[in-house]
Amino acid sequence: MAGEYLIAEWTAKLSLPAFSIGGSQTGLLDSMKGAVTGNATFNFQPVVIDNVQIEVKPDLKPGDRVLVAWGGRKEMIG
């Protein structure tokens, strides 16, 4: 319909800061081919990823009400 505008998905640049995640690890072998398992901390360096696909909501339809945060303000559009 004329005048309706809907973006269901788009691409963006994603910037992730350095971060660490704790977890368990399996599947590593030592020099004697023995299994190495246990808890570990995984450290990640900062990264910028281009062309990340963002899907808002697959069943979003024109006329649906959505909450928009823009410039620190929240407005109801619908």
PDB file of N, CA and C in Angstrom:
ATOM      1  N   MET A   1       0.838  -1.180   0.000  1.00  0.00           N
ATOM      2  CA  MET A   1       0.000   0.000   0.000  1.00  0.00           C
ATOM      3  C   MET A   1       0.884   1.246   0.000  1.00  0.00           C
ATOM      4  N   ALA A   2       0.399   2.290  -0.605  1.00  0.00           N
ATOM      5  CA  ALA A   2       1.154   3.536  -0.679  1.00  0.00           C
ATOM      6  C   ALA A   2       1.330   4.133   0.713  1.00  0.00           C
ATOM      7  N   GLY A   3       2.525   4.668   0.963  1.00  0.00           N
ATOM      8  CA  GLY A   3       2.794   5.330   2.228  1.00  0.00           C
ATOM      9  C   GLY A   3       3.267   4.403   3.342  1.00  0.00           C
ATOM     10  N   GLU A   4       3.217   3.099   3.142  1.00  0.00           N
ATOM     11  CA  GLU A   4       3.690   2.179   4.176  1.00  0.00           C
ATOM     12  C   GLU A   4       5.142   1.837   3.912  1.00  0.00           C
ATOM     13  N   TYR A   5       5.923   1.810   4.957  1.00  0.00           N
ATOM     14  CA  TYR A   5       7.341   1.544   4.826  1.00  0.00           C
ATOM     15  C   TYR A   5       7.739   0.539   5.894  1.00  0.00           C
ATOM     16  N   LEU A   6       8.387  -0.535   5.518  1.00  0.00           N
ATOM     17  CA  LEU A   6       8.746  -1.583   6.459  1.00  0.00           C
ATOM     18  C   LEU A   6      10.124  -2.125   6.111  1.00  0.00           C
ATOM     19  N   ILE A   7      10.972  -2.185   7.093  1.00  0.00           N
ATOM     20  CA  ILE A   7      12.270  -2.828   6.923  1.00  0.00           C
ATOM     21  C   ILE A   7      12.266  -4.059   7.811  1.00  0.00           C
ATOM     22  N   ALA A   8      12.267  -5.237   7.218  1.00  0.00           N
ATOM     23  CA  ALA A   8      12.247  -6.472   7.988  1.00  0.00           C
ATOM     24  C   ALA A   8      13.660  -6.906   8.370  1.00  0.00           C
ATOM     25  N   GLU A   9      14.635  -6.510   7.572  1.00  0.00           N
ATOM     26  CA  GLU A   9      16.014  -6.858   7.871  1.00  0.00           C
ATOM     27  C   GLU A   9      16.940  -5.863   7.190  1.00  0.00           C
ATOM     28  N   TRP A  10      18.148  -5.738   7.704  1.00  0.00           N
ATOM     29  CA  TRP A  10      19.141  -4.880   7.086  1.00  0.00           C
ATOM     30  C   TRP A  10      20.515  -5.355   7.534  1.00  0.00           C
ATOM     31  N   THR A  11      21.560  -4.784   6.927  1.00  0.00           N
ATOM     32  CA  THR A  11      22.920  -5.124   7.340  1.00  0.00           C
ATOM     33  C   THR A  11      23.523  -3.930   8.063  1.00  0.00           C
ATOM     34  N   ALA A  12      24.458  -4.230   8.955  1.00  0.00           N
ATOM     35  CA  ALA A  12      25.093  -3.197   9.751  1.00  0.00           C
ATOM     36  C   ALA A  12      26.531  -3.600  10.044  1.00  0.00           C
ATOM     37  N   LYS A  13      27.295  -2.667  10.583  1.00  0.00           N
ATOM     38  CA  LYS A  13      28.649  -2.955  11.032  1.00  0.00           C
ATOM     39  C   LYS A  13      28.567  -3.243  12.526  1.00  0.00           C
ATOM     40  N   LEU A  14      29.134  -4.366  12.975  1.00  0.00           N
ATOM     41  CA  LEU A  14      29.113  -4.769  14.376  1.00  0.00           C
ATOM     42  C   LEU A  14      30.503  -4.577  14.958  1.00  0.00           C
ATOM     43  N   SER A  15      30.601  -3.804  16.039  1.00  0.00           N
ATOM     44  CA  SER A  15      31.873  -3.585  16.725  1.00  0.00           C
ATOM     45  C   SER A  15      31.805  -4.250  18.094  1.00  0.00           C
ATOM     46  N   LEU A  16      32.689  -5.217  18.337  1.00  0.00           N
ATOM     47  CA  LEU A  16      32.744  -5.904  19.618  1.00  0.00           C
ATOM     48  C   LEU A  16      34.005  -5.492  20.362  1.00  0.00           C
ATOM     49  N   PRO A  17      33.872  -5.134  21.635  1.00  0.00           N
ATOM     50  CA  PRO A  17      35.062  -4.800  22.427  1.00  0.00           C
ATOM     51  C   PRO A  17      35.786  -6.075  22.838  1.00  0.00           C
ATOM     52  N   ALA A  18      36.959  -5.941  23.429  1.00  0.00           N
ATOM     53  CA  ALA A  18      37.654  -7.100  23.986  1.00  0.00           C
ATOM     54  C   ALA A  18      36.791  -7.658  25.117  1.00  0.00           C
ATOM     55  N   PHE A  19      36.711  -8.995  25.200  1.00  0.00           N
ATOM     56  CA  PHE A  19      35.944  -9.614  26.280  1.00  0.00           C
ATOM     57  C   PHE A  19      36.455 -11.021  26.524  1.00  0.00           C
ATOM     58  N   SER A  20      36.087 -11.559  27.690  1.00  0.00           N
ATOM     59  CA  SER A  20      36.465 -12.919  28.080  1.00  0.00           C
ATOM     60  C   SER A  20      35.215 -13.696  28.452  1.00  0.00           C
ATOM     61  N   ILE A  21      35.244 -14.982  28.152  1.00  0.00           N
ATOM     62  CA  ILE A  21      34.137 -15.877  28.511  1.00  0.00           C
ATOM     63  C   ILE A  21      34.747 -17.129  29.133  1.00  0.00           C
ATOM     64  N   GLY A  22      34.182 -17.542  30.264  1.00  0.00           N
ATOM     65  CA  GLY A  22      34.624 -18.779  30.892  1.00  0.00           C
ATOM     66  C   GLY A  22      33.737 -19.929  30.447  1.00  0.00           C
ATOM     67  N   GLY A  23      34.341 -21.108  30.343  1.00  0.00           N
ATOM     68  CA  GLY A  23      33.568 -22.278  29.941  1.00  0.00           C
ATOM     69  C   GLY A  23      34.405 -23.525  30.055  1.00  0.00           C
ATOM     70  N   SER A  24      33.898 -24.595  29.507  1.00  0.00           N
ATOM     71  CA  SER A  24      34.656 -25.843  29.513  1.00  0.00           C
ATOM     72  C   SER A  24      35.166 -26.121  28.113  1.00  0.00           C
ATOM     73  N   GLN A  25      36.250 -26.875  28.046  1.00  0.00           N
ATOM     74  CA  GLN A  25      36.804 -27.221  26.739  1.00  0.00           C
ATOM     75  C   GLN A  25      37.084 -28.711  26.696  1.00  0.00           C
ATOM     76  N   THR A  26      36.870 -29.272  25.528  1.00  0.00           N
ATOM     77  CA  THR A  26      37.156 -30.682  25.273  1.00  0.00           C
ATOM     78  C   THR A  26      37.704 -30.792  23.863  1.00  0.00           C
ATOM     79  N   GLY A  27      38.245 -31.935  23.534  1.00  0.00           N
ATOM     80  CA  GLY A  27      38.688 -32.174  22.166  1.00  0.00           C
ATOM     81  C   GLY A  27      40.155 -31.873  21.921  1.00  0.00           C
ATOM     82  N   LEU A  28      40.880 -31.321  22.900  1.00  0.00           N
ATOM     83  CA  LEU A  28      42.303 -31.062  22.715  1.00  0.00           C
ATOM     84  C   LEU A  28      43.100 -32.294  23.127  1.00  0.00           C
ATOM     85  N   LEU A  29      44.242 -32.491  22.480  1.00  0.00           N
ATOM     86  CA  LEU A  29      45.127 -33.611  22.806  1.00  0.00           C
ATOM     87  C   LEU A  29      46.488 -33.081  23.230  1.00  0.00           C
ATOM     88  N   ASP A  30      47.100 -33.731  24.224  1.00  0.00           N
ATOM     89  CA  ASP A  30      48.455 -33.362  24.615  1.00  0.00           C
ATOM     90  C   ASP A  30      49.458 -34.055  23.694  1.00  0.00           C
ATOM     91  N   SER A  31      50.751 -33.903  23.963  1.00  0.00           N
ATOM     92  CA  SER A  31      51.786 -34.461  23.082  1.00  0.00           C
ATOM     93  C   SER A  31      51.778 -35.987  23.050  1.00  0.00           C
ATOM     94  N   MET A  32      51.163 -36.618  24.054  1.00  0.00           N
ATOM     95  CA  MET A  32      51.079 -38.084  24.096  1.00  0.00           C
ATOM     96  C   MET A  32      49.717 -38.572  23.574  1.00  0.00           C
ATOM     97  N   LYS A  33      48.973 -37.686  22.939  1.00  0.00           N
ATOM     98  CA  LYS A  33      47.641 -37.973  22.380  1.00  0.00           C
ATOM     99  C   LYS A  33      46.585 -38.226  23.459  1.00  0.00           C
ATOM    100  N   GLY A  34      46.854 -37.772  24.687  1.00  0.00           N
ATOM    101  CA  GLY A  34      45.872 -37.890  25.752  1.00  0.00           C
ATOM    102  C   GLY A  34      44.905 -36.715  25.724  1.00  0.00           C
ATOM    103  N   ALA A  35      43.691 -36.967  26.143  1.00  0.00           N
ATOM    104  CA  ALA A  35      42.663 -35.920  26.135  1.00  0.00           C
ATOM    105  C   ALA A  35      42.976 -34.853  27.181  1.00  0.00           C
ATOM    106  N   VAL A  36      42.780 -33.609  26.795  1.00  0.00           N
ATOM    107  CA  VAL A  36      42.922 -32.476  27.711  1.00  0.00           C
ATOM    108  C   VAL A  36      41.542 -31.856  27.838  1.00  0.00           C
ATOM    109  N   THR A  37      40.995 -31.902  29.043  1.00  0.00           N
ATOM    110  CA  THR A  37      39.662 -31.343  29.275  1.00  0.00           C
ATOM    111  C   THR A  37      39.703 -30.480  30.523  1.00  0.00           C
ATOM    112  N   GLY A  38      38.676 -29.690  30.728  1.00  0.00           N
ATOM    113  CA  GLY A  38      38.582 -28.883  31.940  1.00  0.00           C
ATOM    114  C   GLY A  38      37.982 -27.524  31.667  1.00  0.00           C
ATOM    115  N   ASN A  39      38.072 -26.671  32.675  1.00  0.00           N
ATOM    116  CA  ASN A  39      37.561 -25.307  32.550  1.00  0.00           C
ATOM    117  C   ASN A  39      38.610 -24.420  31.893  1.00  0.00           C
ATOM    118  N   ALA A  40      38.138 -23.423  31.166  1.00  0.00           N
ATOM    119  CA  ALA A  40      39.057 -22.525  30.465  1.00  0.00           C
ATOM    120  C   ALA A  40      38.443 -21.136  30.384  1.00  0.00           C
ATOM    121  N   THR A  41      39.293 -20.159  30.181  1.00  0.00           N
ATOM    122  CA  THR A  41      38.857 -18.799  29.898  1.00  0.00           C
ATOM    123  C   THR A  41      39.250 -18.494  28.462  1.00  0.00           C
ATOM    124  N   PHE A  42      38.289 -18.050  27.671  1.00  0.00           N
ATOM    125  CA  PHE A  42      38.508 -17.715  26.271  1.00  0.00           C
ATOM    126  C   PHE A  42      38.532 -16.199  26.150  1.00  0.00           C
ATOM    127  N   ASN A  43      39.650 -15.650  25.690  1.00  0.00           N
ATOM    128  CA  ASN A  43      39.827 -14.205  25.562  1.00  0.00           C
ATOM    129  C   ASN A  43      39.715 -13.801  24.099  1.00  0.00           C
ATOM    130  N   PHE A  44      38.932 -12.764  23.837  1.00  0.00           N
ATOM    131  CA  PHE A  44      38.711 -12.279  22.482  1.00  0.00           C
ATOM    132  C   PHE A  44      39.182 -10.837  22.357  1.00  0.00           C
ATOM    133  N   GLN A  45      39.827 -10.540  21.257  1.00  0.00           N
ATOM    134  CA  GLN A  45      40.312  -9.192  20.973  1.00  0.00           C
ATOM    135  C   GLN A  45      39.189  -8.369  20.347  1.00  0.00           C
ATOM    136  N   PRO A  46      39.295  -7.038  20.401  1.00  0.00           N
ATOM    137  CA  PRO A  46      38.278  -6.202  19.743  1.00  0.00           C
ATOM    138  C   PRO A  46      38.224  -6.521  18.241  1.00  0.00           C
ATOM    139  N   VAL A  47      37.026  -6.449  17.680  1.00  0.00           N
ATOM    140  CA  VAL A  47      36.868  -6.753  16.260  1.00  0.00           C
ATOM    141  C   VAL A  47      35.702  -5.943  15.695  1.00  0.00           C
ATOM    142  N   VAL A  48      35.804  -5.593  14.427  1.00  0.00           N
ATOM    143  CA  VAL A  48      34.723  -4.939  13.690  1.00  0.00           C
ATOM    144  C   VAL A  48      34.339  -5.878  12.553  1.00  0.00           C
ATOM    145  N   ILE A  49      33.052  -6.208  12.468  1.00  0.00           N
ATOM    146  CA  ILE A  49      32.560  -7.138  11.450  1.00  0.00           C
ATOM    147  C   ILE A  49      31.584  -6.390  10.547  1.00  0.00           C
ATOM    148  N   ASP A  50      31.889  -6.326   9.257  1.00  0.00           N
ATOM    149  CA  ASP A  50      31.018  -5.665   8.292  1.00  0.00           C
ATOM    150  C   ASP A  50      29.925  -6.614   7.814  1.00  0.00           C
ATOM    151  N   ASN A  51      28.840  -6.049   7.323  1.00  0.00           N
ATOM    152  CA  ASN A  51      27.745  -6.785   6.677  1.00  0.00           C
ATOM    153  C   ASN A  51      27.100  -7.836   7.565  1.00  0.00           C
ATOM    154  N   VAL A  52      26.851  -7.477   8.824  1.00  0.00           N
ATOM    155  CA  VAL A  52      26.127  -8.362   9.728  1.00  0.00           C
ATOM    156  C   VAL A  52      24.642  -8.207   9.431  1.00  0.00           C
ATOM    157  N   GLN A  53      23.953  -9.314   9.159  1.00  0.00           N
ATOM    158  CA  GLN A  53      22.530  -9.257   8.856  1.00  0.00           C
ATOM    159  C   GLN A  53      21.729  -9.193  10.145  1.00  0.00           C
ATOM    160  N   ILE A  54      20.840  -8.217  10.236  1.00  0.00           N
ATOM    161  CA  ILE A  54      19.967  -8.047  11.391  1.00  0.00           C
ATOM    162  C   ILE A  54      18.537  -8.290  10.936  1.00  0.00           C
ATOM    163  N   GLU A  55      17.875  -9.233  11.563  1.00  0.00           N
ATOM    164  CA  GLU A  55      16.482  -9.543  11.246  1.00  0.00           C
ATOM    165  C   GLU A  55      15.626  -9.049  12.398  1.00  0.00           C
ATOM    166  N   VAL A  56      14.745  -8.091  12.121  1.00  0.00           N
ATOM    167  CA  VAL A  56      13.914  -7.506  13.168  1.00  0.00           C
ATOM    168  C   VAL A  56      12.947  -8.548  13.706  1.00  0.00           C
ATOM    169  N   LYS A  57      12.068  -8.987  12.905  1.00  0.00           N
ATOM    170  CA  LYS A  57      11.090 -10.007  13.272  1.00  0.00           C
ATOM    171  C   LYS A  57      10.477 -10.505  11.973  1.00  0.00           C
ATOM    172  N   PRO A  58      10.578 -11.798  11.704  1.00  0.00           N
ATOM    173  CA  PRO A  58      10.125 -12.307  10.410  1.00  0.00           C
ATOM    174  C   PRO A  58       8.656 -12.024  10.103  1.00  0.00           C
ATOM    175  N   ASP A  59       7.808 -11.988  11.109  1.00  0.00           N
ATOM    176  CA  ASP A  59       6.378 -11.798  10.836  1.00  0.00           C
ATOM    177  C   ASP A  59       5.906 -10.364  11.080  1.00  0.00           C
ATOM    178  N   LEU A  60       6.831  -9.383  11.099  1.00  0.00           N
ATOM    179  CA  LEU A  60       6.458  -7.982  11.252  1.00  0.00           C
ATOM    180  C   LEU A  60       5.725  -7.517  10.003  1.00  0.00           C
ATOM    181  N   LYS A  61       4.570  -6.886  10.188  1.00  0.00           N
ATOM    182  CA  LYS A  61       3.725  -6.457   9.070  1.00  0.00           C
ATOM    183  C   LYS A  61       3.538  -4.939   9.093  1.00  0.00           C
ATOM    184  N   PRO A  62       3.303  -4.329   7.933  1.00  0.00           N
ATOM    185  CA  PRO A  62       2.989  -2.908   7.920  1.00  0.00           C
ATOM    186  C   PRO A  62       1.807  -2.623   8.845  1.00  0.00           C
ATOM    187  N   GLY A  63       1.931  -1.565   9.635  1.00  0.00           N
ATOM    188  CA  GLY A  63       0.868  -1.205  10.573  1.00  0.00           C
ATOM    189  C   GLY A  63       1.104  -1.734  11.974  1.00  0.00           C
ATOM    190  N   ASP A  64       2.034  -2.687  12.151  1.00  0.00           N
ATOM    191  CA  ASP A  64       2.359  -3.164  13.492  1.00  0.00           C
ATOM    192  C   ASP A  64       2.994  -2.030  14.293  1.00  0.00           C
ATOM    193  N   ARG A  65       2.693  -1.987  15.571  1.00  0.00           N
ATOM    194  CA  ARG A  65       3.280  -0.964  16.434  1.00  0.00           C
ATOM    195  C   ARG A  65       4.644  -1.443  16.910  1.00  0.00           C
ATOM    196  N   VAL A  66       5.644  -0.548  16.843  1.00  0.00           N
ATOM    197  CA  VAL A  66       6.994  -0.877  17.290  1.00  0.00           C
ATOM    198  C   VAL A  66       7.513   0.255  18.161  1.00  0.00           C
ATOM    199  N   LEU A  67       8.367  -0.056  19.121  1.00  0.00           N
ATOM    200  CA  LEU A  67       8.994   0.942  19.971  1.00  0.00           C
ATOM    201  C   LEU A  67      10.324   1.317  19.341  1.00  0.00           C
ATOM    202  N   VAL A  68      10.543   2.625  19.153  1.00  0.00           N
ATOM    203  CA  VAL A  68      11.748   3.109  18.498  1.00  0.00           C
ATOM    204  C   VAL A  68      12.517   3.983  19.477  1.00  0.00           C
ATOM    205  N   ALA A  69      13.798   3.681  19.690  1.00  0.00           N
ATOM    206  CA  ALA A  69      14.676   4.523  20.503  1.00  0.00           C
ATOM    207  C   ALA A  69      15.594   5.267  19.545  1.00  0.00           C
ATOM    208  N   TRP A  70      15.516   6.581  19.544  1.00  0.00           N
ATOM    209  CA  TRP A  70      16.284   7.384  18.608  1.00  0.00           C
ATOM    210  C   TRP A  70      16.897   8.564  19.337  1.00  0.00           C
ATOM    211  N   GLY A  71      18.210   8.647  19.368  1.00  0.00           N
ATOM    212  CA  GLY A  71      18.858   9.777  20.002  1.00  0.00           C
ATOM    213  C   GLY A  71      18.528   9.918  21.480  1.00  0.00           C
ATOM    214  N   GLY A  72      18.354   8.802  22.159  1.00  0.00           N
ATOM    215  CA  GLY A  72      18.068   8.832  23.580  1.00  0.00           C
ATOM    216  C   GLY A  72      16.600   8.999  23.897  1.00  0.00           C
ATOM    217  N   ARG A  73      15.744   9.210  22.888  1.00  0.00           N
ATOM    218  CA  ARG A  73      14.313   9.361  23.112  1.00  0.00           C
ATOM    219  C   ARG A  73      13.602   8.108  22.673  1.00  0.00           C
ATOM    220  N   LYS A  74      12.510   7.793  23.318  1.00  0.00           N
ATOM    221  CA  LYS A  74      11.696   6.652  22.923  1.00  0.00           C
ATOM    222  C   LYS A  74      10.363   7.185  22.416  1.00  0.00           C
ATOM    223  N   GLU A  75       9.964   6.720  21.251  1.00  0.00           N
ATOM    224  CA  GLU A  75       8.710   7.155  20.664  1.00  0.00           C
ATOM    225  C   GLU A  75       7.934   5.951  20.167  1.00  0.00           C
ATOM    226  N   MET A  76       6.624   6.018  20.277  1.00  0.00           N
ATOM    227  CA  MET A  76       5.777   4.950  19.749  1.00  0.00           C
ATOM    228  C   MET A  76       5.387   5.331  18.334  1.00  0.00           C
ATOM    229  N   ILE A  77       5.675   4.445  17.412  1.00  0.00           N
ATOM    230  CA  ILE A  77       5.339   4.657  16.001  1.00  0.00           C
ATOM    231  C   ILE A  77       4.297   3.608  15.645  1.00  0.00           C
ATOM    232  N   GLY A  78       3.264   3.992  14.964  1.00  0.00           N
ATOM    233  CA  GLY A  78       2.307   2.965  14.587  1.00  0.00           C
ATOM    234  C   GLY A  78       1.085   3.492  13.929  1.00  0.00           C
TER     235      GLY A  78
END
